[in-house]
Amino acid sequence: MARAPSPRYLPRSMNQHERIPRPAVEAELRYLDGDFRVLKPGTYVRCAVTGVQIPLDELRYWSAERQEAYASPDVVLQRISDLGLTPKA
């Protein structure tokens, strides 16, 4: 009768390079022109207008002047309109 393999010889996972899920933690960033600097590590920032969580790897829109993140280009235009500013060309 065949014996089952010992657990120490079984592979740890199907893909040993998988990322281990991290808990969602709000990051603190310093927004620069065309880049940002992480001041406090985390997985997301909040949109300044809508309050929705924006994963750091999906963050594309922010204002270095106002130090705010935005969820989409539409939200940027909404913020500019709310402040009574005109979009820069």
C-alpha atoms as a PDB file:
ATOM      1  CA  MET A   1       0.000   0.000   0.000  1.00  0.00           C
ATOM      2  CA  ALA A   2       1.437   3.406  -1.040  1.00  0.00           C
ATOM      3  CA  ARG A   3       1.924   6.071   1.570  1.00  0.00           C
ATOM      4  CA  ALA A   4       1.019   9.734   1.115  1.00  0.00           C
ATOM      5  CA  PRO A   5       4.034  12.036   0.688  1.00  0.00           C
ATOM      6  CA  SER A   6       5.272  13.830   3.761  1.00  0.00           C
ATOM      7  CA  PRO A   7       4.001  17.451   4.005  1.00  0.00           C
ATOM      8  CA  ARG A   8       7.566  18.775   4.012  1.00  0.00           C
ATOM      9  CA  TYR A   9       8.032  17.537   0.438  1.00  0.00           C
ATOM     10  CA  LEU A  10       4.854  19.108  -0.929  1.00  0.00           C
ATOM     11  CA  PRO A  11       5.174  22.443  -2.775  1.00  0.00           C
ATOM     12  CA  ARG A  12       4.327  25.500  -0.671  1.00  0.00           C
ATOM     13  CA  SER A  13       2.012  27.003  -3.272  1.00  0.00           C
ATOM     14  CA  MET A  14       1.136  26.804  -6.927  1.00  0.00           C
ATOM     15  CA  ASN A  15       3.098  30.002  -7.585  1.00  0.00           C
ATOM     16  CA  GLN A  16       5.790  30.900  -5.091  1.00  0.00           C
ATOM     17  CA  HIS A  17       6.011  34.405  -6.589  1.00  0.00           C
ATOM     18  CA  GLU A  18       2.425  35.355  -5.743  1.00  0.00           C
ATOM     19  CA  ARG A  19       2.010  38.475  -3.668  1.00  0.00           C
ATOM     20  CA  ILE A  20       0.677  38.000  -0.187  1.00  0.00           C
ATOM     21  CA  PRO A  21      -2.420  40.192   0.198  1.00  0.00           C
ATOM     22  CA  ARG A  22      -1.733  43.185   2.419  1.00  0.00           C
ATOM     23  CA  PRO A  23      -4.383  44.878   4.516  1.00  0.00           C
ATOM     24  CA  ALA A  24      -5.675  48.146   3.080  1.00  0.00           C
ATOM     25  CA  VAL A  25      -3.832  51.000   4.789  1.00  0.00           C
ATOM     26  CA  GLU A  26      -4.082  54.657   3.804  1.00  0.00           C
ATOM     27  CA  ALA A  27      -0.779  56.059   2.554  1.00  0.00           C
ATOM     28  CA  GLU A  28       0.468  59.580   3.077  1.00  0.00           C
ATOM     29  CA  LEU A  29       2.065  61.154   0.006  1.00  0.00           C
ATOM     30  CA  ARG A  30       3.833  64.358  -0.971  1.00  0.00           C
ATOM     31  CA  TYR A  31       2.578  65.206  -4.465  1.00  0.00           C
ATOM     32  CA  LEU A  32       5.197  66.611  -6.824  1.00  0.00           C
ATOM     33  CA  ASP A  33       5.031  67.711 -10.467  1.00  0.00           C
ATOM     34  CA  GLY A  34       4.742  64.435 -12.390  1.00  0.00           C
ATOM     35  CA  ASP A  35       5.636  62.253  -9.409  1.00  0.00           C
ATOM     36  CA  PHE A  36       4.922  61.711  -5.741  1.00  0.00           C
ATOM     37  CA  ARG A  37       6.929  60.761  -2.675  1.00  0.00           C
ATOM     38  CA  VAL A  38       5.654  58.267  -0.111  1.00  0.00           C
ATOM     39  CA  LEU A  39       5.798  59.762   3.394  1.00  0.00           C
ATOM     40  CA  LYS A  40       3.869  56.971   5.111  1.00  0.00           C
ATOM     41  CA  PRO A  41       3.592  53.587   3.351  1.00  0.00           C
ATOM     42  CA  GLY A  42       0.148  52.274   2.501  1.00  0.00           C
ATOM     43  CA  THR A  43      -1.920  50.716  -0.243  1.00  0.00           C
ATOM     44  CA  TYR A  44      -4.237  53.603  -1.189  1.00  0.00           C
ATOM     45  CA  VAL A  45      -5.003  57.322  -0.922  1.00  0.00           C
ATOM     46  CA  ARG A  46      -8.410  59.020  -0.833  1.00  0.00           C
ATOM     47  CA  CYS A  47      -9.822  61.171  -3.593  1.00  0.00           C
ATOM     48  CA  ALA A  48     -10.076  64.765  -2.327  1.00  0.00           C
ATOM     49  CA  VAL A  49     -13.472  65.243  -4.013  1.00  0.00           C
ATOM     50  CA  THR A  50     -15.300  61.907  -3.795  1.00  0.00           C
ATOM     51  CA  GLY A  51     -13.524  60.257  -0.855  1.00  0.00           C
ATOM     52  CA  VAL A  52     -13.129  56.973  -2.761  1.00  0.00           C
ATOM     53  CA  GLN A  53     -10.035  54.860  -2.175  1.00  0.00           C
ATOM     54  CA  ILE A  54      -7.476  55.015  -4.992  1.00  0.00           C
ATOM     55  CA  PRO A  55      -4.934  52.157  -4.987  1.00  0.00           C
ATOM     56  CA  LEU A  56      -1.419  53.595  -5.295  1.00  0.00           C
ATOM     57  CA  ASP A  57      -0.703  51.597  -8.445  1.00  0.00           C
ATOM     58  CA  GLU A  58      -3.767  53.223 -10.061  1.00  0.00           C
ATOM     59  CA  LEU A  59      -3.064  56.803  -8.931  1.00  0.00           C
ATOM     60  CA  ARG A  60      -2.766  58.982 -12.046  1.00  0.00           C
ATOM     61  CA  TYR A  61      -4.287  62.374 -11.144  1.00  0.00           C
ATOM     62  CA  TRP A  62      -3.278  64.797  -8.403  1.00  0.00           C
ATOM     63  CA  SER A  63      -2.500  68.428  -7.714  1.00  0.00           C
ATOM     64  CA  ALA A  64       0.979  69.261  -6.435  1.00  0.00           C
ATOM     65  CA  GLU A  65      -0.254  72.803  -5.771  1.00  0.00           C
ATOM     66  CA  ARG A  66      -3.170  71.718  -3.555  1.00  0.00           C
ATOM     67  CA  GLN A  67      -1.623  68.372  -2.408  1.00  0.00           C
ATOM     68  CA  GLU A  68      -4.758  66.442  -3.398  1.00  0.00           C
ATOM     69  CA  ALA A  69      -5.383  63.160  -5.221  1.00  0.00           C
ATOM     70  CA  TYR A  70      -8.229  62.626  -7.693  1.00  0.00           C
ATOM     71  CA  ALA A  71      -9.956  59.439  -8.853  1.00  0.00           C
ATOM     72  CA  SER A  72     -10.395  60.396 -12.534  1.00  0.00           C
ATOM     73  CA  PRO A  73     -10.027  63.246 -15.045  1.00  0.00           C
ATOM     74  CA  ASP A  74     -13.730  64.044 -14.625  1.00  0.00           C
ATOM     75  CA  VAL A  75     -13.181  64.551 -10.912  1.00  0.00           C
ATOM     76  CA  VAL A  76     -10.251  66.888 -11.663  1.00  0.00           C
ATOM     77  CA  LEU A  77     -12.508  69.016 -13.870  1.00  0.00           C
ATOM     78  CA  GLN A  78     -15.205  68.991 -11.184  1.00  0.00           C
ATOM     79  CA  ARG A  79     -12.662  70.195  -8.587  1.00  0.00           C
ATOM     80  CA  ILE A  80     -11.399  72.960 -10.908  1.00  0.00           C
ATOM     81  CA  SER A  81     -14.987  74.056 -11.521  1.00  0.00           C
ATOM     82  CA  ASP A  82     -15.808  73.981  -7.787  1.00  0.00           C
ATOM     83  CA  LEU A  83     -12.828  76.236  -7.085  1.00  0.00           C
ATOM     84  CA  GLY A  84     -13.872  78.660  -9.851  1.00  0.00           C
ATOM     85  CA  LEU A  85     -10.642  78.122 -11.751  1.00  0.00           C
ATOM     86  CA  THR A  86     -10.131  77.650 -15.480  1.00  0.00           C
ATOM     87  CA  PRO A  87      -8.350  74.526 -16.777  1.00  0.00           C
ATOM     88  CA  LYS A  88      -4.765  75.053 -17.943  1.00  0.00           C
ATOM     89  CA  ALA A  89      -4.076  74.234 -21.585  1.00  0.00           C
END
